[in-house]
Structures are given as structure tokens and as C-alpha cells.
Amino acid sequence: MKQVILNAIKREKTGKEICKKLRKQGLIPAIIYGPYFQPLNLLL
């Protein structure tokens, strides 16, 4: 299986308008979920 490395930055601000602005800048807002930690808001 091929591995892919993603560069991510933790983001503090959330919401629809913030995400729209980030997408216009060419960034991808994301959320990572897992059973052992709280959801984490990221920028890819």
C-alpha cells in the first residue's frame, strides 16, 4: 500500500464563513476523528 504524507495545520476558527474564505485561498478545511481523542480541526 502506498503511503501519502499530508501537511496539516491546526485551525482555531471554525464555521461556514471561515471555511469559505479558506477555500478561496486554496486551503482545504478538514476534521479528523478518532476513538481515542477529541475531533481536531485542520487545514490541508
C-alpha atoms as a PDB file:
ATOM      1  CA  MET A   1       0.000   0.000   0.000  1.00  0.00           C
ATOM      2  CA  LYS A   2       1.306   3.431  -0.928  1.00  0.00           C
ATOM      3  CA  GLN A   3       1.722   5.962   1.887  1.00  0.00           C
ATOM      4  CA  VAL A   4       0.766   9.594   1.437  1.00  0.00           C
ATOM      5  CA  ILE A   5       2.059  12.405   3.633  1.00  0.00           C
ATOM      6  CA  LEU A   6      -0.303  15.319   4.239  1.00  0.00           C
ATOM      7  CA  ASN A   7       0.906  18.631   5.628  1.00  0.00           C
ATOM      8  CA  ALA A   8      -1.680  19.945   8.071  1.00  0.00           C
ATOM      9  CA  ILE A   9      -2.052  22.958  10.330  1.00  0.00           C
ATOM     10  CA  LYS A  10      -4.326  23.053  13.366  1.00  0.00           C
ATOM     11  CA  ARG A  11      -7.017  25.707  12.971  1.00  0.00           C
ATOM     12  CA  GLU A  12      -8.738  27.513  15.820  1.00  0.00           C
ATOM     13  CA  LYS A  13     -11.584  29.238  13.959  1.00  0.00           C
ATOM     14  CA  THR A  14     -14.495  27.177  12.657  1.00  0.00           C
ATOM     15  CA  GLY A  15     -17.737  27.859  10.842  1.00  0.00           C
ATOM     16  CA  LYS A  16     -19.186  28.124   7.377  1.00  0.00           C
ATOM     17  CA  GLU A  17     -17.924  31.628   6.539  1.00  0.00           C
ATOM     18  CA  ILE A  18     -14.394  30.907   7.766  1.00  0.00           C
ATOM     19  CA  CYS A  19     -14.270  27.711   5.684  1.00  0.00           C
ATOM     20  CA  LYS A  20     -15.454  29.585   2.581  1.00  0.00           C
ATOM     21  CA  LYS A  21     -12.636  32.115   2.972  1.00  0.00           C
ATOM     22  CA  LEU A  22     -10.069  29.357   3.459  1.00  0.00           C
ATOM     23  CA  ARG A  23     -11.240  27.520   0.328  1.00  0.00           C
ATOM     24  CA  LYS A  24     -10.914  30.733  -1.694  1.00  0.00           C
ATOM     25  CA  GLN A  25      -7.279  30.878  -0.520  1.00  0.00           C
ATOM     26  CA  GLY A  26      -6.719  27.350  -1.869  1.00  0.00           C
ATOM     27  CA  LEU A  27      -6.735  25.655   1.541  1.00  0.00           C
ATOM     28  CA  ILE A  28      -8.842  22.642   2.496  1.00  0.00           C
ATOM     29  CA  PRO A  29     -10.594  22.689   5.887  1.00  0.00           C
ATOM     30  CA  ALA A  30     -10.789  19.236   7.452  1.00  0.00           C
ATOM     31  CA  ILE A  31     -11.718  17.475  10.683  1.00  0.00           C
ATOM     32  CA  ILE A  32     -10.034  14.322  11.921  1.00  0.00           C
ATOM     33  CA  TYR A  33     -11.987  11.993  14.198  1.00  0.00           C
ATOM     34  CA  GLY A  34     -10.834   9.043  16.245  1.00  0.00           C
ATOM     35  CA  PRO A  35     -11.971   6.834  19.096  1.00  0.00           C
ATOM     36  CA  TYR A  36      -9.145   7.913  21.429  1.00  0.00           C
ATOM     37  CA  PHE A  37      -9.124  11.710  21.008  1.00  0.00           C
ATOM     38  CA  GLN A  38     -11.380  14.714  20.528  1.00  0.00           C
ATOM     39  CA  PRO A  39     -12.145  15.872  16.951  1.00  0.00           C
ATOM     40  CA  LEU A  40      -9.350  18.073  15.597  1.00  0.00           C
ATOM     41  CA  ASN A  41      -9.922  20.915  13.106  1.00  0.00           C
ATOM     42  CA  LEU A  42      -7.185  21.117  10.477  1.00  0.00           C
ATOM     43  CA  LEU A  43      -6.151  22.917   7.324  1.00  0.00           C
ATOM     44  CA  LEU A  44      -4.655  20.882   4.491  1.00  0.00           C
END
